[in-house]
Amino acid sequence: MSGGLAMSDVQGVQGVPRVPEMSVAVAFAGMKRAVDVVFRAGCPDCRASFELGASALRLAIGATSKTTFYSFTCPECGVAVRKPAGERIVELLTGGGVRTLRLHSAG
C-alpha cells in the first residue's frame, strides 16, 4: 500500500499515544441528524406512555444531581412533568438535540 497508513501499520507501534475515550455528546457534536430523534416518556399523573421529539423536552443542568432534571408537558393530560436526570440521561438528551439550560448559583 502506498500513500497512506493501514491499521496494521499503527498497531504495536511504540510511543503512539492512546486515544482517550469520549462522551456521547462529544462524539456526536457537529453531526447533522438524518432522522428526528424521539424519546419514550411517561406521565406520572395519567400514566400515559408516549414518544416525544427533542423539541418537546427541556434539560436543566444544575450544580448537583439534585438540581439536574428534564421536563416536558404530557400530551395526554397537559400536566407539566419534571424528572431527575442522571449522567446517562443527560448524555442521551444532549446527544439527541434537546435544548439545555445550565443553572448557576448566585455568587
Protein backbone atom coordinates (compact mmCIF):
# COMPACT_ATOMS: atom_id res chain seq x y z
CA MET A 1 0.00 0.00 0.00
CA SER A 2 1.43 3.38 -0.90
CA GLY A 3 0.48 6.88 0.19
CA GLY A 4 -1.23 6.05 3.50
CA LEU A 5 -1.27 4.10 6.71
CA ALA A 6 -3.08 0.84 7.20
CA MET A 7 -4.37 -0.21 10.62
CA SER A 8 -1.63 -2.83 10.80
CA ASP A 9 0.96 -0.05 10.49
CA VAL A 10 -0.31 1.60 13.69
CA GLN A 11 -0.86 -1.46 15.86
CA GLY A 12 2.04 -2.32 18.10
CA VAL A 13 3.98 0.89 17.40
CA GLN A 14 5.83 2.12 20.47
CA GLY A 15 5.23 5.72 21.51
CA VAL A 16 1.85 6.10 19.82
CA PRO A 17 -0.44 7.78 22.36
CA ARG A 18 -3.70 6.07 23.22
CA VAL A 19 -6.83 7.85 22.08
CA PRO A 20 -8.84 8.98 25.12
CA GLU A 21 -12.44 7.84 25.49
CA MET A 22 -15.06 10.40 24.59
CA SER A 23 -18.60 11.01 25.70
CA VAL A 24 -21.65 10.57 23.51
CA ALA A 25 -22.15 14.34 23.41
CA VAL A 26 -18.59 14.95 22.19
CA ALA A 27 -18.73 12.13 19.65
CA PHE A 28 -21.94 13.45 18.11
CA ALA A 29 -21.14 17.18 18.38
CA GLY A 30 -21.39 18.80 14.98
CA MET A 31 -23.18 15.87 13.37
CA LYS A 32 -26.31 16.64 11.43
CA ARG A 33 -29.30 14.46 12.17
CA ALA A 34 -30.58 12.41 9.25
CA VAL A 35 -33.67 11.37 11.21
CA ASP A 36 -35.53 13.01 14.06
CA VAL A 37 -34.71 11.63 17.50
CA VAL A 38 -37.62 10.55 19.68
CA PHE A 39 -37.59 9.72 23.37
CA ARG A 40 -40.03 7.44 25.20
CA ALA A 41 -41.57 9.04 28.26
CA GLY A 42 -44.41 8.52 30.69
CA CYS A 43 -46.69 10.75 32.71
CA PRO A 44 -46.81 10.11 36.46
CA ASP A 45 -50.29 11.71 36.69
CA CYS A 46 -52.32 9.98 33.96
CA ARG A 47 -49.90 7.04 33.46
CA ALA A 48 -49.85 7.53 29.67
CA SER A 49 -46.79 6.39 27.70
CA PHE A 50 -45.74 8.26 24.57
CA GLU A 51 -42.84 9.36 22.38
CA LEU A 52 -41.59 12.94 22.38
CA GLY A 53 -39.33 14.72 19.93
CA ALA A 54 -36.27 16.62 21.15
CA SER A 55 -38.13 19.93 20.80
CA ALA A 56 -40.75 18.81 23.37
CA LEU A 57 -38.15 18.26 26.11
CA ARG A 58 -36.02 20.66 28.15
CA LEU A 59 -32.93 19.76 30.16
CA ALA A 60 -31.71 21.83 33.12
CA ILE A 61 -28.22 21.03 34.37
CA GLY A 62 -27.54 22.19 37.90
CA ALA A 63 -24.51 22.09 40.15
CA THR A 64 -25.58 18.78 41.71
CA SER A 65 -27.55 15.71 40.70
CA LYS A 66 -30.45 17.03 42.80
CA THR A 67 -30.68 20.15 40.65
CA THR A 68 -30.33 18.41 37.28
CA PHE A 69 -33.63 17.46 35.65
CA TYR A 70 -35.56 17.23 32.41
CA SER A 71 -39.08 18.44 31.83
CA PHE A 72 -41.91 18.13 29.34
CA THR A 73 -45.66 18.62 29.09
CA CYS A 74 -47.78 15.47 28.94
CA PRO A 75 -49.55 15.43 25.56
CA GLU A 76 -52.45 13.44 27.08
CA CYS A 77 -53.40 15.42 30.19
CA GLY A 78 -51.36 18.63 29.80
CA VAL A 79 -49.59 18.43 33.17
CA ALA A 80 -46.02 19.78 33.43
CA VAL A 81 -43.69 16.88 34.28
CA ARG A 82 -40.25 17.29 35.86
CA LYS A 83 -37.98 14.28 36.43
CA PRO A 84 -34.42 13.94 37.74
CA ALA A 85 -31.74 13.38 35.10
CA GLY A 86 -28.72 11.26 35.89
CA GLU A 87 -25.48 11.33 33.94
CA ARG A 88 -26.61 8.83 31.28
CA ILE A 89 -29.90 10.63 30.66
CA VAL A 90 -28.02 13.94 30.32
CA GLU A 91 -25.73 12.34 27.69
CA LEU A 92 -28.65 10.90 25.73
CA LEU A 93 -30.70 14.10 25.79
CA THR A 94 -27.83 16.41 24.85
CA GLY A 95 -26.70 14.00 22.13
CA GLY A 96 -30.27 13.88 20.84
CA GLY A 97 -30.58 17.63 20.42
CA VAL A 98 -32.64 18.54 23.48
CA ARG A 99 -32.31 22.19 24.46
CA THR A 100 -30.17 22.57 27.56
CA LEU A 101 -30.15 25.22 30.26
CA ARG A 102 -27.21 25.44 32.65
CA LEU A 103 -28.21 26.59 36.12
CA HIS A 104 -25.72 28.74 38.03
CA SER A 105 -25.77 29.59 41.70
CA ALA A 106 -25.57 33.23 42.72
CA GLY A 107 -22.17 34.16 43.98
